[in-house]
């Protein structure tokens, strides 16, 4: 027996990376998972180097970032890799989740894999938000102020909870120090969740685009799929390098190059692009508590899919109605993202409300109704 199978540690790596049997019909959408692993490693390594030179004191935070950019050898590169890496992480994550929604990867027996993925998504959002606040530019300060103030909408304990989170009576030195401590700690929790995600996936293996069992034709992970993964890794690194070296500030906000000033409110409050769809839902609600509930429910709604999808067939590959509603959902999500950066005025308010209604309707009404209709058509067609 070869050493990669006899050694207990190498055997574990072998079972995941070399001999793992994968369905032969898997297409390039399945490669995004490996890109997410690469993104996490890039973020953790670049973040570790940035933490060596960063000061979490509120008076020094912005200047320490500028010091890294100007005075530390290669500091500008680490900063731009970390800042753009966050955006590319979310691009890959949204694509990965879109693939899972389209191909029905959330259905039994992979419900645990999906649930772990949703937890990873929510924890990544929290980590990214706290990282954005640690820069302590103008958008960082006001983003922290607005988002932490949302807790005051909670009945009974909300008004007492906000000062506890701030460590004072406004966003101040303890707030930034707490955010930095959590921003450094949460990626390690994220890495643990990713390992659990892979362990859950390893039990039943990957799904496939056809929506039927993959046991009929499988191939080992190495060298077929490892080489296929390398193709997308090269394309990803090329696109990532273009942004880092030639257009590093495109995905950021120019106001964050102004030091945080509690006395000057920005003309428009705009979070990072990957938070915009949920920010649009928050603003669409006329009531503060309703907005907070809508924003968090929008993420938790993803956990309902394994229950609301009644289809007897996995995925939308051969289902016309489900395809149509899915593409409408994607368009609606992009629309919400665009509305999140616009001013709160007519007609964007009403449009945001309709888009929010469709978002929730997709999970609670469209998916169960359309999947039931398609089941009926499937049974009629088989008679």
Protein backbone atom coordinates (compact mmCIF):
# COMPACT_ATOMS: atom_id res chain seq x y z
CA UNK A 1 0.00 0.00 0.00
CA UNK A 2 1.32 3.45 -0.90
CA UNK A 3 2.29 5.87 1.84
CA UNK A 4 -0.52 8.30 0.92
CA UNK A 5 -2.97 5.55 1.91
CA UNK A 6 -1.14 3.97 4.87
CA UNK A 7 -0.16 7.16 6.73
CA UNK A 8 -3.20 8.37 8.78
CA UNK A 9 -2.66 12.07 7.97
CA UNK A 10 -1.81 11.60 4.29
CA UNK A 11 -4.73 9.15 3.96
CA UNK A 12 -7.11 11.90 5.12
CA UNK A 13 -5.71 14.36 2.57
CA UNK A 14 -5.77 11.60 -0.07
CA UNK A 15 -9.46 10.86 0.55
CA UNK A 16 -10.35 14.54 -0.05
CA UNK A 17 -7.86 15.64 -2.73
CA UNK A 18 -6.86 12.57 -4.75
CA UNK A 19 -9.08 9.49 -4.57
CA UNK A 20 -12.36 11.29 -3.84
CA UNK A 21 -14.85 10.03 -6.51
CA UNK A 22 -16.60 12.95 -8.26
CA UNK A 23 -19.47 12.86 -10.81
CA UNK A 24 -18.01 13.09 -14.33
CA UNK A 25 -20.75 15.55 -15.43
CA UNK A 26 -19.64 18.35 -13.05
CA UNK A 27 -19.13 21.60 -14.99
CA UNK A 28 -17.03 24.70 -14.30
CA UNK A 29 -19.57 26.12 -11.81
CA UNK A 30 -18.30 23.50 -9.34
CA UNK A 31 -14.82 25.06 -9.50
CA UNK A 32 -15.97 28.16 -7.59
CA UNK A 33 -15.79 26.23 -4.30
CA UNK A 34 -12.01 25.79 -4.67
CA UNK A 35 -11.71 29.52 -5.52
CA UNK A 36 -13.43 30.33 -2.22
CA UNK A 37 -10.86 28.23 -0.36
CA UNK A 38 -8.10 30.15 -2.18
CA UNK A 39 -9.76 33.48 -1.28
CA UNK A 40 -9.92 32.53 2.41
CA UNK A 41 -6.20 31.65 2.44
CA UNK A 42 -5.31 34.92 0.63
CA UNK A 43 -7.38 36.95 3.13
CA UNK A 44 -5.94 35.24 6.21
CA UNK A 45 -2.32 35.52 5.04
CA UNK A 46 -2.57 39.17 3.88
CA UNK A 47 -4.58 40.05 7.01
CA UNK A 48 -1.88 38.57 9.25
CA UNK A 49 0.78 40.79 7.66
CA UNK A 50 -1.49 43.87 7.89
CA UNK A 51 -2.17 43.19 11.59
CA UNK A 52 1.60 43.46 12.25
CA UNK A 53 1.52 47.16 11.33
CA UNK A 54 -2.06 48.14 12.21
CA UNK A 55 -2.98 50.06 15.35
CA UNK A 56 -6.56 49.64 16.57
CA UNK A 57 -6.48 52.86 18.60
CA UNK A 58 -9.09 55.22 17.13
CA UNK A 59 -6.61 58.11 16.96
CA UNK A 60 -4.03 56.02 15.10
CA UNK A 61 -6.15 53.58 13.01
CA UNK A 62 -6.45 55.68 9.83
CA UNK A 63 -2.84 56.88 10.04
CA UNK A 64 -1.53 53.35 10.59
CA UNK A 65 -3.27 52.25 7.37
CA UNK A 66 -1.73 55.21 5.51
CA UNK A 67 1.66 54.35 7.09
CA UNK A 68 1.35 50.83 5.67
CA UNK A 69 0.50 52.21 2.24
CA UNK A 70 3.35 54.73 2.14
CA UNK A 71 6.21 53.58 4.39
CA UNK A 72 6.09 49.79 4.83
CA UNK A 73 7.86 47.76 2.14
CA UNK A 74 5.15 45.98 0.14
CA UNK A 75 2.51 47.39 2.49
CA UNK A 76 0.49 48.89 -0.37
CA UNK A 77 0.40 45.46 -2.03
CA UNK A 78 -0.83 43.69 1.13
CA UNK A 79 -3.49 46.36 1.67
CA UNK A 80 -4.77 46.19 -1.90
CA UNK A 81 -4.70 42.36 -1.90
CA UNK A 82 -6.74 42.34 1.33
CA UNK A 83 -9.22 45.03 0.24
CA UNK A 84 -9.83 43.59 -3.24
CA UNK A 85 -9.64 40.05 -1.88
CA UNK A 86 -12.76 40.76 0.20
CA UNK A 87 -14.66 41.82 -2.94
CA UNK A 88 -13.48 38.79 -4.92
CA UNK A 89 -14.37 36.56 -1.95
CA UNK A 90 -17.97 37.80 -2.14
CA UNK A 91 -18.10 37.57 -5.95
CA UNK A 92 -17.08 33.90 -5.67
CA UNK A 93 -19.47 33.34 -2.74
CA UNK A 94 -22.49 34.78 -4.57
CA UNK A 95 -21.62 32.67 -7.65
CA UNK A 96 -21.24 29.56 -5.47
CA UNK A 97 -24.62 30.17 -3.80
CA UNK A 98 -26.24 30.92 -7.16
CA UNK A 99 -24.92 27.59 -8.47
CA UNK A 100 -26.37 25.80 -5.43
CA UNK A 101 -29.77 27.50 -5.94
CA UNK A 102 -29.89 26.70 -9.66
CA UNK A 103 -28.73 23.08 -9.45
CA UNK A 104 -30.62 22.26 -6.23
CA UNK A 105 -27.49 21.44 -4.21
CA UNK A 106 -29.43 22.29 -1.02
CA UNK A 107 -31.81 19.33 -1.36
CA UNK A 108 -31.55 16.13 0.70
CA UNK A 109 -29.11 14.49 1.42
CA UNK A 110 -27.00 17.69 1.36
CA UNK A 111 -29.12 19.83 3.70
CA UNK A 112 -26.32 19.98 6.30
CA UNK A 113 -23.83 21.13 3.64
CA UNK A 114 -26.22 23.94 2.64
CA UNK A 115 -26.92 24.94 6.26
CA UNK A 116 -23.20 25.14 7.02
CA UNK A 117 -22.75 27.23 3.85
CA UNK A 118 -25.41 29.75 4.95
CA UNK A 119 -23.70 30.04 8.36
CA UNK A 120 -20.37 30.66 6.59
CA UNK A 121 -22.04 33.36 4.44
CA UNK A 122 -23.46 35.20 7.47
CA UNK A 123 -20.21 34.98 9.43
CA UNK A 124 -18.25 36.24 6.39
CA UNK A 125 -20.58 39.25 6.15
CA UNK A 126 -20.00 40.08 9.82
CA UNK A 127 -16.21 39.68 9.41
CA UNK A 128 -16.14 41.87 6.28
CA UNK A 129 -18.21 44.60 7.94
CA UNK A 130 -15.92 44.73 10.98
CA UNK A 131 -12.86 44.82 8.73
CA UNK A 132 -14.33 47.74 6.79
CA UNK A 133 -14.85 49.62 10.06
CA UNK A 134 -11.24 49.12 11.21
CA UNK A 135 -9.91 51.37 8.41
CA UNK A 136 -11.70 54.23 10.18
CA UNK A 137 -12.32 56.35 7.12
CA UNK A 138 -15.46 58.47 6.79
CA UNK A 139 -17.60 55.58 5.49
CA UNK A 140 -16.14 53.25 8.13
CA UNK A 141 -17.23 55.53 10.99
CA UNK A 142 -20.72 56.16 9.68
CA UNK A 143 -21.18 52.56 8.58
CA UNK A 144 -20.34 51.43 12.12
CA UNK A 145 -22.69 54.08 13.56
CA UNK A 146 -25.65 53.14 11.35
CA UNK A 147 -25.29 49.36 11.63
CA UNK A 148 -24.73 49.26 15.40
CA UNK A 149 -27.66 51.68 15.88
CA UNK A 150 -29.93 49.07 14.29
CA UNK A 151 -29.74 47.06 17.52
CA UNK A 152 -31.70 49.85 19.23
CA UNK A 153 -34.74 48.65 17.24
CA UNK A 154 -34.87 45.48 19.35
CA UNK A 155 -37.76 45.64 21.84
CA UNK A 156 -36.95 46.08 25.56
CA UNK A 157 -33.15 45.51 25.47
CA UNK A 158 -32.18 47.39 22.27
CA UNK A 159 -31.45 50.80 23.81
CA UNK A 160 -29.30 49.18 26.52
CA UNK A 161 -27.51 46.89 24.09
CA UNK A 162 -26.11 49.62 21.82
CA UNK A 163 -23.94 51.39 24.48
CA UNK A 164 -22.64 47.97 25.59
CA UNK A 165 -21.56 47.24 22.02
CA UNK A 166 -20.03 50.70 21.59
CA UNK A 167 -18.23 50.60 24.93
CA UNK A 168 -19.44 54.18 25.42
CA UNK A 169 -22.14 56.54 24.18
CA UNK A 170 -21.05 56.64 20.52
CA UNK A 171 -18.70 54.85 18.12
CA UNK A 172 -15.39 55.50 19.89
CA UNK A 173 -12.03 53.93 20.72
CA UNK A 174 -13.39 50.77 22.45
CA UNK A 175 -15.70 50.11 19.45
CA UNK A 176 -12.87 50.09 16.91
CA UNK A 177 -10.66 47.97 19.20
CA UNK A 178 -13.48 45.44 19.70
CA UNK A 179 -14.18 45.30 15.98
CA UNK A 180 -10.51 44.69 15.22
CA UNK A 181 -10.26 41.92 17.83
CA UNK A 182 -13.34 40.22 16.36
CA UNK A 183 -12.17 40.80 12.79
CA UNK A 184 -8.93 38.98 13.62
CA UNK A 185 -10.67 36.13 15.50
CA UNK A 186 -13.68 35.38 13.25
CA UNK A 187 -11.68 34.14 10.20
CA UNK A 188 -10.33 31.28 12.33
CA UNK A 189 -13.92 30.37 13.23
CA UNK A 190 -14.69 30.71 9.54
CA UNK A 191 -11.88 28.27 8.68
CA UNK A 192 -13.31 25.77 11.21
CA UNK A 193 -16.78 26.11 9.62
CA UNK A 194 -15.24 25.56 6.16
CA UNK A 195 -13.65 22.31 7.40
CA UNK A 196 -17.04 21.22 8.79
CA UNK A 197 -18.62 22.21 5.43
CA UNK A 198 -16.14 19.96 3.59
CA UNK A 199 -16.67 17.12 6.06
CA UNK A 200 -20.44 17.28 5.50
CA UNK A 201 -19.87 17.39 1.71
CA UNK A 202 -17.53 14.38 1.87
CA UNK A 203 -20.29 12.09 3.19
CA UNK A 204 -22.50 12.17 0.07
CA UNK A 205 -20.10 13.83 -2.39
CA UNK A 206 -20.84 16.64 -4.83
CA UNK A 207 -24.13 16.97 -6.70
CA UNK A 208 -24.13 17.27 -10.51
CA UNK A 209 -25.81 19.43 -13.20
CA UNK A 210 -28.06 16.62 -14.46
CA UNK A 211 -29.91 16.29 -11.14
CA UNK A 212 -29.74 12.48 -11.02
CA UNK A 213 -27.43 10.13 -9.13
CA UNK A 214 -23.74 10.58 -9.90
CA UNK A 215 -22.91 6.98 -8.97
CA UNK A 216 -23.24 5.81 -12.58
CA UNK A 217 -20.03 7.51 -13.72
CA UNK A 218 -17.43 8.91 -11.33
CA UNK A 219 -13.80 9.93 -11.70
CA UNK A 220 -11.07 10.52 -9.09
CA UNK A 221 -10.45 14.07 -7.91
CA UNK A 222 -6.81 13.88 -9.03
CA UNK A 223 -5.83 14.48 -11.73
CA UNK A 224 -9.06 15.23 -13.62
CA UNK A 225 -10.71 17.78 -11.37
CA UNK A 226 -7.52 19.11 -9.80
CA UNK A 227 -6.34 20.17 -13.26
CA UNK A 228 -9.78 21.60 -14.04
CA UNK A 229 -9.65 23.60 -10.79
CA UNK A 230 -6.22 24.94 -11.73
CA UNK A 231 -7.69 26.41 -14.93
CA UNK A 232 -10.11 28.60 -12.98
CA UNK A 233 -7.42 29.42 -10.40
CA UNK A 234 -5.24 30.89 -13.17
CA UNK A 235 -8.16 32.91 -14.60
CA UNK A 236 -9.08 34.10 -11.10
CA UNK A 237 -5.50 35.16 -10.27
CA UNK A 238 -5.26 37.01 -13.59
CA UNK A 239 -8.48 38.98 -12.94
CA UNK A 240 -7.47 39.56 -9.30
CA UNK A 241 -4.03 40.87 -10.35
CA UNK A 242 -5.60 43.26 -12.88
CA UNK A 243 -7.63 44.84 -10.08
CA UNK A 244 -4.82 44.86 -7.49
CA UNK A 245 -2.18 46.39 -9.78
CA UNK A 246 -4.18 48.50 -12.24
CA UNK A 247 -7.49 49.42 -10.58
CA UNK A 248 -7.20 48.85 -6.82
CA UNK A 249 -9.80 51.39 -5.68
CA UNK A 250 -12.58 50.61 -8.17
CA UNK A 251 -14.50 48.36 -5.76
CA UNK A 252 -14.11 50.73 -2.78
CA UNK A 253 -15.65 54.08 -1.84
CA UNK A 254 -13.63 57.32 -2.27
CA UNK A 255 -15.00 58.75 1.02
CA UNK A 256 -13.06 56.10 2.93
CA UNK A 257 -9.82 57.95 2.07
CA UNK A 258 -11.08 60.78 4.30
CA UNK A 259 -10.34 60.22 8.03
CA UNK A 260 -13.44 59.37 10.08
CA UNK A 261 -15.14 62.50 11.39
CA UNK A 262 -18.18 62.21 13.71
CA UNK A 263 -19.01 65.90 13.09
CA UNK A 264 -19.47 65.56 9.31
CA UNK A 265 -22.21 63.31 7.91
CA UNK A 266 -21.61 62.03 4.33
CA UNK A 267 -24.11 63.08 1.65
CA UNK A 268 -25.15 59.44 1.14
CA UNK A 269 -24.48 56.42 3.33
CA UNK A 270 -23.24 53.61 1.09
CA UNK A 271 -21.79 50.34 2.48
CA UNK A 272 -19.48 48.07 0.50
CA UNK A 273 -21.10 46.71 -2.70
CA UNK A 274 -21.54 43.16 -1.34
CA UNK A 275 -23.82 44.43 1.46
CA UNK A 276 -25.97 46.63 -0.83
CA UNK A 277 -28.88 44.21 -1.57
CA UNK A 278 -29.53 43.69 2.15
CA UNK A 279 -29.04 47.41 2.85
CA UNK A 280 -31.68 48.13 0.19
CA UNK A 281 -34.13 45.81 1.99
CA UNK A 282 -33.36 47.55 5.28
CA UNK A 283 -34.16 50.96 3.75
CA UNK A 284 -37.29 49.72 1.97
CA UNK A 285 -39.14 49.18 5.23
CA UNK A 286 -40.95 52.22 6.68
CA UNK A 287 -40.40 50.89 10.22
CA UNK A 288 -36.92 50.57 11.79
CA UNK A 289 -37.62 47.21 13.46
CA UNK A 290 -39.23 45.94 10.25
CA UNK A 291 -36.11 46.91 8.28
CA UNK A 292 -33.79 45.10 10.69
CA UNK A 293 -36.01 42.00 10.64
CA UNK A 294 -36.17 42.07 6.81
CA UNK A 295 -32.39 42.32 6.51
CA UNK A 296 -31.67 39.36 8.79
CA UNK A 297 -34.67 37.35 7.51
CA UNK A 298 -33.33 37.76 3.94
CA UNK A 299 -30.25 35.76 4.93
CA UNK A 300 -32.08 33.23 7.13
CA UNK A 301 -34.62 32.67 4.34
CA UNK A 302 -31.95 30.65 2.53
CA UNK A 303 -32.28 27.97 5.23
CA UNK A 304 -35.94 27.44 4.22
CA UNK A 305 -35.14 26.24 0.68
CA UNK A 306 -34.70 22.52 1.52
CA UNK A 307 -38.21 22.61 3.04
CA UNK A 308 -40.02 24.80 0.49
CA UNK A 309 -38.64 23.12 -2.66
CA UNK A 310 -41.10 20.23 -3.20
CA UNK A 311 -39.64 19.12 -6.54
CA UNK A 312 -39.04 15.40 -7.12
CA UNK A 313 -36.11 16.28 -9.39
CA UNK A 314 -32.97 18.11 -8.25
CA UNK A 315 -31.98 21.34 -10.02
CA UNK A 316 -33.48 23.53 -12.74
CA UNK A 317 -31.66 22.01 -15.73
CA UNK A 318 -34.83 20.49 -17.23
CA UNK A 319 -37.44 22.76 -15.57
CA UNK A 320 -38.55 25.77 -17.64
CA UNK A 321 -40.75 27.52 -15.05
CA UNK A 322 -38.16 27.16 -12.28
CA UNK A 323 -35.46 28.52 -14.61
CA UNK A 324 -37.58 31.57 -15.42
CA UNK A 325 -38.32 32.35 -11.74
CA UNK A 326 -34.65 31.81 -10.84
CA UNK A 327 -33.41 34.25 -13.51
CA UNK A 328 -36.01 36.77 -12.32
CA UNK A 329 -34.69 36.26 -8.79
CA UNK A 330 -31.08 36.92 -9.94
CA UNK A 331 -32.18 40.07 -11.81
CA UNK A 332 -34.17 41.19 -8.74
CA UNK A 333 -31.12 40.65 -6.47
CA UNK A 334 -28.93 42.75 -8.80
CA UNK A 335 -31.65 45.42 -8.84
CA UNK A 336 -31.66 45.49 -5.02
CA UNK A 337 -27.89 45.90 -5.10
CA UNK A 338 -28.22 48.90 -7.41
CA UNK A 339 -31.03 50.44 -5.33
CA UNK A 340 -28.87 50.14 -2.19
CA UNK A 341 -26.43 52.77 -3.51
CA UNK A 342 -29.08 55.26 -4.70
CA UNK A 343 -30.69 58.06 -2.68
CA UNK A 344 -33.90 57.31 -0.80
CA UNK A 345 -36.30 59.11 -3.13
CA UNK A 346 -39.08 58.47 -5.64
CA UNK A 347 -39.22 56.09 -7.56
CA UNK A 348 -36.47 54.10 -5.81
CA UNK A 349 -38.42 53.71 -2.54
CA UNK A 350 -41.40 51.93 -4.15
CA UNK A 351 -39.14 49.95 -6.49
CA UNK A 352 -37.11 48.76 -3.48
CA UNK A 353 -40.29 47.65 -1.71
CA UNK A 354 -41.47 45.65 -4.74
CA UNK A 355 -38.01 44.09 -5.13
CA UNK A 356 -37.99 43.13 -1.43
CA UNK A 357 -41.47 41.57 -1.75
CA UNK A 358 -40.31 39.50 -4.76
CA UNK A 359 -37.17 38.37 -2.89
CA UNK A 360 -39.23 36.92 -0.01
CA UNK A 361 -41.98 35.67 -2.35
CA UNK A 362 -39.42 33.60 -4.25
CA UNK A 363 -38.60 31.49 -1.18
CA UNK A 364 -42.05 31.36 0.43
CA UNK A 365 -44.45 31.27 -2.56
CA UNK A 366 -42.81 30.82 -5.98
CA UNK A 367 -40.48 27.90 -5.17
CA UNK A 368 -43.14 25.70 -3.45
CA UNK A 369 -45.92 26.55 -5.98
CA UNK A 370 -43.79 26.15 -9.13
CA UNK A 371 -42.08 22.97 -7.85
CA UNK A 372 -45.53 21.44 -7.08
CA UNK A 373 -46.81 22.41 -10.56
CA UNK A 374 -43.74 20.88 -12.20
CA UNK A 375 -44.22 17.68 -10.17
CA UNK A 376 -47.76 17.41 -11.57
CA UNK A 377 -46.49 17.99 -15.13
CA UNK A 378 -43.74 15.41 -14.55
CA UNK A 379 -46.24 12.75 -13.42
CA UNK A 380 -48.68 13.59 -16.26
CA UNK A 381 -45.85 13.34 -18.81
CA UNK A 382 -44.80 9.92 -17.47
CA UNK A 383 -48.26 8.39 -17.85
